[in-house]
């Protein structure tokens, strides 16, 4: 999802020639550690060469990830398996959460 935000910001798809898209381009990513109720989560936040990209999902100086636990519990309550939740969060947010971490959260229900 963060990659999609960057694509929207830059105005062109990844690996697309940027002839008509200005001088700004992708510039890798940086790892950000966000604190939650059950520990720290590392995510990769993409960046652009000119430093103009401001993700909407996770702000530049944000140190806590909103209600991640609530979102996980909501998905679990709707019948998703721990593995499905892990894959869903990976697809949407790029989060690499272990099934053990998600299980600890869902065991509280």
PDB file of N, CA and C in Angstrom:
ATOM      1  N   UNK A   1       0.817  -1.178   0.000  1.00  0.00           N
ATOM      2  CA  UNK A   1       0.000   0.000   0.000  1.00  0.00           C
ATOM      3  C   UNK A   1       0.870   1.254   0.000  1.00  0.00           C
ATOM      4  N   UNK A   2       1.957   1.250   0.739  1.00  0.00           N
ATOM      5  CA  UNK A   2       2.858   2.399   0.741  1.00  0.00           C
ATOM      6  C   UNK A   2       3.494   2.591  -0.629  1.00  0.00           C
ATOM      7  N   UNK A   3       3.797   1.485  -1.313  1.00  0.00           N
ATOM      8  CA  UNK A   3       4.347   1.586  -2.670  1.00  0.00           C
ATOM      9  C   UNK A   3       3.333   2.236  -3.607  1.00  0.00           C
ATOM     10  N   UNK A   4       2.053   1.908  -3.422  1.00  0.00           N
ATOM     11  CA  UNK A   4       1.004   2.506  -4.254  1.00  0.00           C
ATOM     12  C   UNK A   4       0.872   3.995  -3.983  1.00  0.00           C
ATOM     13  N   UNK A   5       1.038   4.389  -2.727  1.00  0.00           N
ATOM     14  CA  UNK A   5       1.023   5.819  -2.404  1.00  0.00           C
ATOM     15  C   UNK A   5       2.157   6.536  -3.124  1.00  0.00           C
ATOM     16  N   UNK A   6       3.342   5.929  -3.141  1.00  0.00           N
ATOM     17  CA  UNK A   6       4.484   6.542  -3.822  1.00  0.00           C
ATOM     18  C   UNK A   6       4.239   6.610  -5.323  1.00  0.00           C
ATOM     19  N   UNK A   7       3.666   5.565  -5.897  1.00  0.00           N
ATOM     20  CA  UNK A   7       3.346   5.569  -7.327  1.00  0.00           C
ATOM     21  C   UNK A   7       2.399   6.723  -7.652  1.00  0.00           C
ATOM     22  N   UNK A   8       1.403   6.913  -6.819  1.00  0.00           N
ATOM     23  CA  UNK A   8       0.458   8.016  -7.029  1.00  0.00           C
ATOM     24  C   UNK A   8       1.179   9.367  -6.917  1.00  0.00           C
ATOM     25  N   UNK A   9       2.049   9.497  -5.933  1.00  0.00           N
ATOM     26  CA  UNK A   9       2.795  10.741  -5.720  1.00  0.00           C
ATOM     27  C   UNK A   9       3.691  11.072  -6.917  1.00  0.00           C
ATOM     28  N   UNK A  10       4.389  10.062  -7.439  1.00  0.00           N
ATOM     29  CA  UNK A  10       5.317  10.289  -8.547  1.00  0.00           C
ATOM     30  C   UNK A  10       4.602  10.429  -9.888  1.00  0.00           C
ATOM     31  N   UNK A  11       3.459   9.775 -10.024  1.00  0.00           N
ATOM     32  CA  UNK A  11       2.692   9.881 -11.255  1.00  0.00           C
ATOM     33  C   UNK A  11       3.051   8.864 -12.314  1.00  0.00           C
ATOM     34  N   UNK A  12       3.804   7.848 -11.952  1.00  0.00           N
ATOM     35  CA  UNK A  12       4.117   6.782 -12.904  1.00  0.00           C
ATOM     36  C   UNK A  12       4.388   5.486 -12.162  1.00  0.00           C
ATOM     37  N   UNK A  13       4.158   4.373 -12.856  1.00  0.00           N
ATOM     38  CA  UNK A  13       4.328   3.044 -12.283  1.00  0.00           C
ATOM     39  C   UNK A  13       5.804   2.702 -12.115  1.00  0.00           C
ATOM     40  N   UNK A  14       6.042   1.762 -11.253  1.00  0.00           N
ATOM     41  CA  UNK A  14       7.393   1.259 -11.053  1.00  0.00           C
ATOM     42  C   UNK A  14       7.903   0.651 -12.357  1.00  0.00           C
ATOM     43  N   UNK A  15       9.143   0.887 -12.706  1.00  0.00           N
ATOM     44  CA  UNK A  15       9.822   0.395 -13.911  1.00  0.00           C
ATOM     45  C   UNK A  15       9.320   1.041 -15.200  1.00  0.00           C
ATOM     46  N   UNK A  16       8.410   1.988 -15.108  1.00  0.00           N
ATOM     47  CA  UNK A  16       7.943   2.700 -16.292  1.00  0.00           C
ATOM     48  C   UNK A  16       8.943   3.816 -16.596  1.00  0.00           C
ATOM     49  N   UNK A  17       9.203   4.049 -17.873  1.00  0.00           N
ATOM     50  CA  UNK A  17      10.098   5.140 -18.237  1.00  0.00           C
ATOM     51  C   UNK A  17       9.495   6.444 -17.748  1.00  0.00           C
ATOM     52  N   UNK A  18      10.329   7.305 -17.215  1.00  0.00           N
ATOM     53  CA  UNK A  18       9.826   8.538 -16.622  1.00  0.00           C
ATOM     54  C   UNK A  18      10.142   9.763 -17.467  1.00  0.00           C
ATOM     55  N   UNK A  19      10.159   9.614 -18.778  1.00  0.00           N
ATOM     56  CA  UNK A  19      10.504  10.700 -19.686  1.00  0.00           C
ATOM     57  C   UNK A  19       9.683  11.959 -19.434  1.00  0.00           C
ATOM     58  N   UNK A  20       8.405  11.791 -19.191  1.00  0.00           N
ATOM     59  CA  UNK A  20       7.513  12.937 -19.072  1.00  0.00           C
ATOM     60  C   UNK A  20       7.027  13.152 -17.642  1.00  0.00           C
ATOM     61  N   UNK A  21       7.750  12.639 -16.676  1.00  0.00           N
ATOM     62  CA  UNK A  21       7.247  12.678 -15.309  1.00  0.00           C
ATOM     63  C   UNK A  21       8.103  13.517 -14.371  1.00  0.00           C
ATOM     64  N   UNK A  22       8.974  14.353 -14.871  1.00  0.00           N
ATOM     65  CA  UNK A  22       9.798  15.180 -14.008  1.00  0.00           C
ATOM     66  C   UNK A  22      11.061  14.472 -13.566  1.00  0.00           C
ATOM     67  N   UNK A  23      11.773  15.098 -12.645  1.00  0.00           N
ATOM     68  CA  UNK A  23      13.071  14.573 -12.229  1.00  0.00           C
ATOM     69  C   UNK A  23      13.002  13.670 -11.006  1.00  0.00           C
ATOM     70  N   UNK A  24      11.904  13.669 -10.285  1.00  0.00           N
ATOM     71  CA  UNK A  24      11.808  12.877  -9.069  1.00  0.00           C
ATOM     72  C   UNK A  24      11.628  11.399  -9.413  1.00  0.00           C
ATOM     73  N   UNK A  25      12.211  10.523  -8.587  1.00  0.00           N
ATOM     74  CA  UNK A  25      12.114   9.085  -8.827  1.00  0.00           C
ATOM     75  C   UNK A  25      12.170   8.334  -7.505  1.00  0.00           C
ATOM     76  N   UNK A  26      11.939   7.041  -7.579  1.00  0.00           N
ATOM     77  CA  UNK A  26      12.028   6.194  -6.392  1.00  0.00           C
ATOM     78  C   UNK A  26      13.475   6.155  -5.904  1.00  0.00           C
ATOM     79  N   UNK A  27      13.623   5.998  -4.586  1.00  0.00           N
ATOM     80  CA  UNK A  27      14.957   5.970  -4.003  1.00  0.00           C
ATOM     81  C   UNK A  27      15.015   4.957  -2.868  1.00  0.00           C
ATOM     82  N   UNK A  28      14.571   3.745  -3.148  1.00  0.00           N
ATOM     83  CA  UNK A  28      14.642   2.683  -2.146  1.00  0.00           C
ATOM     84  C   UNK A  28      13.630   2.865  -1.034  1.00  0.00           C
ATOM     85  N   UNK A  29      13.994   2.408   0.146  1.00  0.00           N
ATOM     86  CA  UNK A  29      13.101   2.521   1.299  1.00  0.00           C
ATOM     87  C   UNK A  29      13.926   2.606   2.567  1.00  0.00           C
ATOM     88  N   UNK A  30      13.281   3.003   3.629  1.00  0.00           N
ATOM     89  CA  UNK A  30      13.933   3.030   4.933  1.00  0.00           C
ATOM     90  C   UNK A  30      13.065   2.229   5.898  1.00  0.00           C
ATOM     91  N   UNK A  31      13.689   1.634   6.873  1.00  0.00           N
ATOM     92  CA  UNK A  31      12.963   0.837   7.855  1.00  0.00           C
ATOM     93  C   UNK A  31      12.506   1.740   8.988  1.00  0.00           C
ATOM     94  N   UNK A  32      11.254   1.580   9.358  1.00  0.00           N
ATOM     95  CA  UNK A  32      10.681   2.356  10.451  1.00  0.00           C
ATOM     96  C   UNK A  32      10.146   1.374  11.478  1.00  0.00           C
ATOM     97  N   UNK A  33      10.413   1.646  12.734  1.00  0.00           N
ATOM     98  CA  UNK A  33       9.925   0.801  13.824  1.00  0.00           C
ATOM     99  C   UNK A  33       8.765   1.510  14.504  1.00  0.00           C
ATOM    100  N   UNK A  34       7.609   0.864  14.478  1.00  0.00           N
ATOM    101  CA  UNK A  34       6.414   1.422  15.098  1.00  0.00           C
ATOM    102  C   UNK A  34       6.073   0.615  16.337  1.00  0.00           C
ATOM    103  N   UNK A  35       5.695   1.323  17.385  1.00  0.00           N
ATOM    104  CA  UNK A  35       5.339   0.659  18.628  1.00  0.00           C
ATOM    105  C   UNK A  35       3.848   0.395  18.669  1.00  0.00           C
ATOM    106  N   UNK A  36       3.524  -0.773  19.170  1.00  0.00           N
ATOM    107  CA  UNK A  36       2.130  -1.144  19.367  1.00  0.00           C
ATOM    108  C   UNK A  36       1.965  -1.660  20.777  1.00  0.00           C
ATOM    109  N   UNK A  37       0.786  -2.056  21.094  1.00  0.00           N
ATOM    110  CA  UNK A  37       0.505  -2.554  22.435  1.00  0.00           C
ATOM    111  C   UNK A  37       1.321  -3.803  22.758  1.00  0.00           C
ATOM    112  N   UNK A  38       1.683  -4.576  21.718  1.00  0.00           N
ATOM    113  CA  UNK A  38       2.367  -5.847  21.948  1.00  0.00           C
ATOM    114  C   UNK A  38       3.789  -5.865  21.425  1.00  0.00           C
ATOM    115  N   UNK A  39       4.412  -4.721  21.303  1.00  0.00           N
ATOM    116  CA  UNK A  39       5.802  -4.684  20.876  1.00  0.00           C
ATOM    117  C   UNK A  39       6.025  -3.827  19.650  1.00  0.00           C
ATOM    118  N   UNK A  40       7.235  -3.909  19.142  1.00  0.00           N
ATOM    119  CA  UNK A  40       7.655  -3.093  18.012  1.00  0.00           C
ATOM    120  C   UNK A  40       7.494  -3.860  16.702  1.00  0.00           C
ATOM    121  N   UNK A  41       7.097  -3.134  15.649  1.00  0.00           N
ATOM    122  CA  UNK A  41       6.917  -3.711  14.321  1.00  0.00           C
ATOM    123  C   UNK A  41       7.794  -2.927  13.357  1.00  0.00           C
ATOM    124  N   UNK A  42       8.579  -3.629  12.542  1.00  0.00           N
ATOM    125  CA  UNK A  42       9.430  -2.972  11.545  1.00  0.00           C
ATOM    126  C   UNK A  42       8.732  -3.003  10.191  1.00  0.00           C
ATOM    127  N   UNK A  43       8.650  -1.848   9.537  1.00  0.00           N
ATOM    128  CA  UNK A  43       8.078  -1.780   8.194  1.00  0.00           C
ATOM    129  C   UNK A  43       9.029  -1.003   7.292  1.00  0.00           C
ATOM    130  N   UNK A  44       8.960  -1.283   6.005  1.00  0.00           N
ATOM    131  CA  UNK A  44       9.758  -0.562   5.022  1.00  0.00           C
ATOM    132  C   UNK A  44       8.913   0.542   4.415  1.00  0.00           C
ATOM    133  N   UNK A  45       9.382   1.769   4.545  1.00  0.00           N
ATOM    134  CA  UNK A  45       8.680   2.930   4.001  1.00  0.00           C
ATOM    135  C   UNK A  45       9.438   3.394   2.763  1.00  0.00           C
ATOM    136  N   UNK A  46       8.785   3.390   1.593  1.00  0.00           N
ATOM    137  CA  UNK A  46       9.468   3.833   0.375  1.00  0.00           C
ATOM    138  C   UNK A  46       9.765   5.326   0.434  1.00  0.00           C
ATOM    139  N   UNK A  47      10.777   5.748  -0.321  1.00  0.00           N
ATOM    140  CA  UNK A  47      11.109   7.171  -0.359  1.00  0.00           C
ATOM    141  C   UNK A  47      11.421   7.591  -1.782  1.00  0.00           C
ATOM    142  N   UNK A  48      11.357   8.880  -2.002  1.00  0.00           N
ATOM    143  CA  UNK A  48      11.671   9.423  -3.318  1.00  0.00           C
ATOM    144  C   UNK A  48      12.976  10.213  -3.245  1.00  0.00           C
ATOM    145  N   UNK A  49      13.579  10.420  -4.387  1.00  0.00           N
ATOM    146  CA  UNK A  49      14.889  11.046  -4.457  1.00  0.00           C
ATOM    147  C   UNK A  49      14.894  12.481  -3.929  1.00  0.00           C
ATOM    148  N   UNK A  50      13.810  13.209  -4.151  1.00  0.00           N
ATOM    149  CA  UNK A  50      13.763  14.607  -3.727  1.00  0.00           C
ATOM    150  C   UNK A  50      13.219  14.789  -2.307  1.00  0.00           C
ATOM    151  N   UNK A  51      12.856  13.702  -1.638  1.00  0.00           N
ATOM    152  CA  UNK A  51      12.398  13.767  -0.251  1.00  0.00           C
ATOM    153  C   UNK A  51      11.052  14.444  -0.066  1.00  0.00           C
ATOM    154  N   UNK A  52      10.218  14.433  -1.087  1.00  0.00           N
ATOM    155  CA  UNK A  52       8.914  15.093  -1.025  1.00  0.00           C
ATOM    156  C   UNK A  52       7.782  14.160  -0.612  1.00  0.00           C
ATOM    157  N   UNK A  53       8.006  12.856  -0.684  1.00  0.00           N
ATOM    158  CA  UNK A  53       6.939  11.883  -0.430  1.00  0.00           C
ATOM    159  C   UNK A  53       6.578  11.841   1.047  1.00  0.00           C
ATOM    160  N   UNK A  54       5.295  12.073   1.341  1.00  0.00           N
ATOM    161  CA  UNK A  54       4.756  12.001   2.699  1.00  0.00           C
ATOM    162  C   UNK A  54       3.649  10.948   2.713  1.00  0.00           C
ATOM    163  N   UNK A  55       3.912   9.735   3.203  1.00  0.00           N
ATOM    164  CA  UNK A  55       2.872   8.699   3.217  1.00  0.00           C
ATOM    165  C   UNK A  55       1.667   9.124   4.051  1.00  0.00           C
ATOM    166  N   UNK A  56       0.488   8.788   3.585  1.00  0.00           N
ATOM    167  CA  UNK A  56      -0.732   9.095   4.330  1.00  0.00           C
ATOM    168  C   UNK A  56      -0.991   8.049   5.402  1.00  0.00           C
ATOM    169  N   UNK A  57      -0.655   6.795   5.105  1.00  0.00           N
ATOM    170  CA  UNK A  57      -0.922   5.704   6.030  1.00  0.00           C
ATOM    171  C   UNK A  57      -0.085   5.824   7.299  1.00  0.00           C
ATOM    172  N   UNK A  58       1.188   6.130   7.132  1.00  0.00           N
ATOM    173  CA  UNK A  58       2.100   6.255   8.261  1.00  0.00           C
ATOM    174  C   UNK A  58       2.869   7.558   8.081  1.00  0.00           C
ATOM    175  N   UNK A  59       2.608   8.526   8.934  1.00  0.00           N
ATOM    176  CA  UNK A  59       3.236   9.843   8.816  1.00  0.00           C
ATOM    177  C   UNK A  59       4.742   9.757   9.050  1.00  0.00           C
ATOM    178  N   UNK A  60       5.444  10.756   8.570  1.00  0.00           N
ATOM    179  CA  UNK A  60       6.904  10.764   8.616  1.00  0.00           C
ATOM    180  C   UNK A  60       7.469  10.541  10.017  1.00  0.00           C
ATOM    181  N   UNK A  61       6.945  11.208  11.028  1.00  0.00           N
ATOM    182  CA  UNK A  61       7.496  11.090  12.384  1.00  0.00           C
ATOM    183  C   UNK A  61       6.625  10.246  13.315  1.00  0.00           C
ATOM    184  N   UNK A  62       5.731   9.496  12.747  1.00  0.00           N
ATOM    185  CA  UNK A  62       4.841   8.648  13.541  1.00  0.00           C
ATOM    186  C   UNK A  62       5.640   7.517  14.177  1.00  0.00           C
ATOM    187  N   UNK A  63       5.397   7.256  15.447  1.00  0.00           N
ATOM    188  CA  UNK A  63       6.116   6.208  16.167  1.00  0.00           C
ATOM    189  C   UNK A  63       5.211   5.078  16.640  1.00  0.00           C
ATOM    190  N   UNK A  64       3.913   5.289  16.548  1.00  0.00           N
ATOM    191  CA  UNK A  64       2.963   4.259  16.962  1.00  0.00           C
ATOM    192  C   UNK A  64       2.029   3.966  15.809  1.00  0.00           C
ATOM    193  N   UNK A  65       1.615   2.723  15.697  1.00  0.00           N
ATOM    194  CA  UNK A  65       0.729   2.326  14.613  1.00  0.00           C
ATOM    195  C   UNK A  65      -0.687   2.234  15.140  1.00  0.00           C
ATOM    196  N   UNK A  66      -1.407   3.329  15.057  1.00  0.00           N
ATOM    197  CA  UNK A  66      -2.820   3.429  15.404  1.00  0.00           C
ATOM    198  C   UNK A  66      -3.390   2.243  16.139  1.00  0.00           C
ATOM    199  N   UNK A  67      -4.387   1.666  15.584  1.00  0.00           N
ATOM    200  CA  UNK A  67      -5.098   0.568  16.222  1.00  0.00           C
ATOM    201  C   UNK A  67      -4.866  -0.730  15.460  1.00  0.00           C
ATOM    202  N   UNK A  68      -3.610  -1.077  15.238  1.00  0.00           N
ATOM    203  CA  UNK A  68      -3.292  -2.304  14.517  1.00  0.00           C
ATOM    204  C   UNK A  68      -3.891  -3.514  15.220  1.00  0.00           C
ATOM    205  N   UNK A  69      -3.777  -3.523  16.540  1.00  0.00           N
ATOM    206  CA  UNK A  69      -4.318  -4.646  17.288  1.00  0.00           C
ATOM    207  C   UNK A  69      -5.822  -4.769  17.067  1.00  0.00           C
ATOM    208  N   UNK A  70      -6.522  -3.642  17.085  1.00  0.00           N
ATOM    209  CA  UNK A  70      -7.962  -3.647  16.850  1.00  0.00           C
ATOM    210  C   UNK A  70      -8.316  -4.161  15.467  1.00  0.00           C
ATOM    211  N   UNK A  71      -7.512  -3.792  14.478  1.00  0.00           N
ATOM    212  CA  UNK A  71      -7.749  -4.257  13.111  1.00  0.00           C
ATOM    213  C   UNK A  71      -7.543  -5.765  13.007  1.00  0.00           C
ATOM    214  N   UNK A  72      -6.497  -6.256  13.654  1.00  0.00           N
ATOM    215  CA  UNK A  72      -6.219  -7.695  13.635  1.00  0.00           C
ATOM    216  C   UNK A  72      -7.356  -8.458  14.310  1.00  0.00           C
ATOM    217  N   UNK A  73      -7.798  -7.970  15.466  1.00  0.00           N
ATOM    218  CA  UNK A  73      -8.890  -8.642  16.174  1.00  0.00           C
ATOM    219  C   UNK A  73     -10.185  -8.595  15.371  1.00  0.00           C
ATOM    220  N   UNK A  74     -10.415  -7.510  14.669  1.00  0.00           N
ATOM    221  CA  UNK A  74     -11.608  -7.399  13.832  1.00  0.00           C
ATOM    222  C   UNK A  74     -11.580  -8.423  12.696  1.00  0.00           C
ATOM    223  N   UNK A  75     -10.430  -8.573  12.056  1.00  0.00           N
ATOM    224  CA  UNK A  75     -10.298  -9.564  10.984  1.00  0.00           C
ATOM    225  C   UNK A  75     -10.495 -10.977  11.524  1.00  0.00           C
ATOM    226  N   UNK A  76      -9.933 -11.229  12.708  1.00  0.00           N
ATOM    227  CA  UNK A  76     -10.064 -12.544  13.328  1.00  0.00           C
ATOM    228  C   UNK A  76     -11.525 -12.832  13.689  1.00  0.00           C
ATOM    229  N   UNK A  77     -12.211 -11.823  14.218  1.00  0.00           N
ATOM    230  CA  UNK A  77     -13.616 -11.988  14.599  1.00  0.00           C
ATOM    231  C   UNK A  77     -14.499 -12.248  13.379  1.00  0.00           C
ATOM    232  N   UNK A  78     -14.055 -11.807  12.214  1.00  0.00           N
ATOM    233  CA  UNK A  78     -14.820 -12.034  10.986  1.00  0.00           C
ATOM    234  C   UNK A  78     -14.510 -13.385  10.353  1.00  0.00           C
ATOM    235  N   UNK A  79     -13.683 -14.172  11.035  1.00  0.00           N
ATOM    236  CA  UNK A  79     -13.452 -15.532  10.578  1.00  0.00           C
ATOM    237  C   UNK A  79     -12.167 -15.764   9.805  1.00  0.00           C
ATOM    238  N   UNK A  80     -11.305 -14.768   9.699  1.00  0.00           N
ATOM    239  CA  UNK A  80     -10.042 -14.972   8.981  1.00  0.00           C
ATOM    240  C   UNK A  80      -9.076 -15.759   9.859  1.00  0.00           C
ATOM    241  N   UNK A  81      -8.306 -16.635   9.249  1.00  0.00           N
ATOM    242  CA  UNK A  81      -7.305 -17.399   9.985  1.00  0.00           C
ATOM    243  C   UNK A  81      -6.098 -16.505  10.262  1.00  0.00           C
ATOM    244  N   UNK A  82      -5.264 -16.932  11.185  1.00  0.00           N
ATOM    245  CA  UNK A  82      -4.058 -16.185  11.528  1.00  0.00           C
ATOM    246  C   UNK A  82      -3.174 -16.017  10.293  1.00  0.00           C
ATOM    247  N   UNK A  83      -3.028 -17.073   9.526  1.00  0.00           N
ATOM    248  CA  UNK A  83      -2.207 -17.012   8.309  1.00  0.00           C
ATOM    249  C   UNK A  83      -2.801 -16.045   7.284  1.00  0.00           C
ATOM    250  N   UNK A  84      -4.135 -16.063   7.125  1.00  0.00           N
ATOM    251  CA  UNK A  84      -4.798 -15.136   6.201  1.00  0.00           C
ATOM    252  C   UNK A  84      -4.612 -13.687   6.645  1.00  0.00           C
ATOM    253  N   UNK A  85      -4.704 -13.451   7.950  1.00  0.00           N
ATOM    254  CA  UNK A  85      -4.505 -12.098   8.480  1.00  0.00           C
ATOM    255  C   UNK A  85      -3.088 -11.631   8.185  1.00  0.00           C
ATOM    256  N   UNK A  86      -2.109 -12.500   8.409  1.00  0.00           N
ATOM    257  CA  UNK A  86      -0.708 -12.150   8.143  1.00  0.00           C
ATOM    258  C   UNK A  86      -0.522 -11.773   6.678  1.00  0.00           C
ATOM    259  N   UNK A  87      -1.068 -12.567   5.775  1.00  0.00           N
ATOM    260  CA  UNK A  87      -0.935 -12.292   4.342  1.00  0.00           C
ATOM    261  C   UNK A  87      -1.672 -11.015   3.945  1.00  0.00           C
ATOM    262  N   UNK A  88      -2.829 -10.787   4.548  1.00  0.00           N
ATOM    263  CA  UNK A  88      -3.617  -9.589   4.264  1.00  0.00           C
ATOM    264  C   UNK A  88      -2.843  -8.327   4.673  1.00  0.00           C
ATOM    265  N   UNK A  89      -2.267  -8.331   5.870  1.00  0.00           N
ATOM    266  CA  UNK A  89      -1.502  -7.172   6.338  1.00  0.00           C
ATOM    267  C   UNK A  89      -0.227  -6.975   5.524  1.00  0.00           C
ATOM    268  N   UNK A  90       0.358  -8.067   5.061  1.00  0.00           N
ATOM    269  CA  UNK A  90       1.536  -7.979   4.192  1.00  0.00           C
ATOM    270  C   UNK A  90       1.160  -7.308   2.873  1.00  0.00           C
ATOM    271  N   UNK A  91       0.045  -7.730   2.282  1.00  0.00           N
ATOM    272  CA  UNK A  91      -0.398  -7.158   1.007  1.00  0.00           C
ATOM    273  C   UNK A  91      -0.766  -5.686   1.137  1.00  0.00           C
ATOM    274  N   UNK A  92      -1.491  -5.334   2.200  1.00  0.00           N
ATOM    275  CA  UNK A  92      -1.974  -3.962   2.347  1.00  0.00           C
ATOM    276  C   UNK A  92      -0.911  -2.988   2.832  1.00  0.00           C
ATOM    277  N   UNK A  93      -0.183  -3.371   3.876  1.00  0.00           N
ATOM    278  CA  UNK A  93       0.719  -2.440   4.541  1.00  0.00           C
ATOM    279  C   UNK A  93       2.199  -2.769   4.391  1.00  0.00           C
ATOM    280  N   UNK A  94       2.504  -3.942   3.851  1.00  0.00           N
ATOM    281  CA  UNK A  94       3.901  -4.343   3.758  1.00  0.00           C
ATOM    282  C   UNK A  94       4.464  -4.777   5.101  1.00  0.00           C
ATOM    283  N   UNK A  95       3.591  -5.122   6.039  1.00  0.00           N
ATOM    284  CA  UNK A  95       4.022  -5.523   7.378  1.00  0.00           C
ATOM    285  C   UNK A  95       4.424  -6.987   7.389  1.00  0.00           C
ATOM    286  N   UNK A  96       5.575  -7.268   7.945  1.00  0.00           N
ATOM    287  CA  UNK A  96       6.066  -8.641   8.084  1.00  0.00           C
ATOM    288  C   UNK A  96       5.806  -9.098   9.518  1.00  0.00           C
ATOM    289  N   UNK A  97       4.589  -9.507   9.789  1.00  0.00           N
ATOM    290  CA  UNK A  97       4.237  -9.968  11.127  1.00  0.00           C
ATOM    291  C   UNK A  97       4.295 -11.483  11.178  1.00  0.00           C
ATOM    292  N   UNK A  98       4.749 -12.001  12.297  1.00  0.00           N
ATOM    293  CA  UNK A  98       4.798 -13.455  12.443  1.00  0.00           C
ATOM    294  C   UNK A  98       3.423 -13.970  12.848  1.00  0.00           C
ATOM    295  N   UNK A  99       3.180 -15.227  12.527  1.00  0.00           N
ATOM    296  CA  UNK A  99       1.915 -15.834  12.944  1.00  0.00           C
ATOM    297  C   UNK A  99       1.858 -15.932  14.470  1.00  0.00           C
ATOM    298  N   UNK A 100       3.016 -16.073  15.121  1.00  0.00           N
ATOM    299  CA  UNK A 100       3.055 -16.131  16.585  1.00  0.00           C
ATOM    300  C   UNK A 100       2.587 -14.803  17.185  1.00  0.00           C
ATOM    301  N   UNK A 101       3.012 -13.691  16.597  1.00  0.00           N
ATOM    302  CA  UNK A 101       2.602 -12.368  17.070  1.00  0.00           C
ATOM    303  C   UNK A 101       1.086 -12.217  16.955  1.00  0.00           C
ATOM    304  N   UNK A 102       0.545 -12.586  15.799  1.00  0.00           N
ATOM    305  CA  UNK A 102      -0.899 -12.467  15.576  1.00  0.00           C
ATOM    306  C   UNK A 102      -1.656 -13.414  16.506  1.00  0.00           C
ATOM    307  N   UNK A 103      -1.124 -14.604  16.728  1.00  0.00           N
ATOM    308  CA  UNK A 103      -1.765 -15.562  17.637  1.00  0.00           C
ATOM    309  C   UNK A 103      -1.828 -15.028  19.063  1.00  0.00           C
ATOM    310  N   UNK A 104      -0.756 -14.365  19.506  1.00  0.00           N
ATOM    311  CA  UNK A 104      -0.765 -13.782  20.857  1.00  0.00           C
ATOM    312  C   UNK A 104      -1.888 -12.753  20.991  1.00  0.00           C
ATOM    313  N   UNK A 105      -2.103 -11.979  19.931  1.00  0.00           N
ATOM    314  CA  UNK A 105      -3.185 -10.989  19.960  1.00  0.00           C
ATOM    315  C   UNK A 105      -4.553 -11.660  20.004  1.00  0.00           C
ATOM    316  N   UNK A 106      -4.737 -12.634  19.134  1.00  0.00           N
ATOM    317  CA  UNK A 106      -6.056 -13.268  19.033  1.00  0.00           C
ATOM    318  C   UNK A 106      -6.367 -14.152  20.239  1.00  0.00           C
ATOM    319  N   UNK A 107      -5.351 -14.628  20.940  1.00  0.00           N
ATOM    320  CA  UNK A 107      -5.581 -15.449  22.130  1.00  0.00           C
ATOM    321  C   UNK A 107      -6.221 -14.644  23.259  1.00  0.00           C
ATOM    322  N   UNK A 108      -6.114 -13.326  23.188  1.00  0.00           N
ATOM    323  CA  UNK A 108      -6.695 -12.473  24.225  1.00  0.00           C
ATOM    324  C   UNK A 108      -8.212 -12.379  24.113  1.00  0.00           C
ATOM    325  N   UNK A 109      -8.755 -12.803  22.969  1.00  0.00           N
ATOM    326  CA  UNK A 109     -10.210 -12.683  22.750  1.00  0.00           C
ATOM    327  C   UNK A 109     -10.943 -13.767  23.506  1.00  0.00           C
TER     328      UNK A 109
END
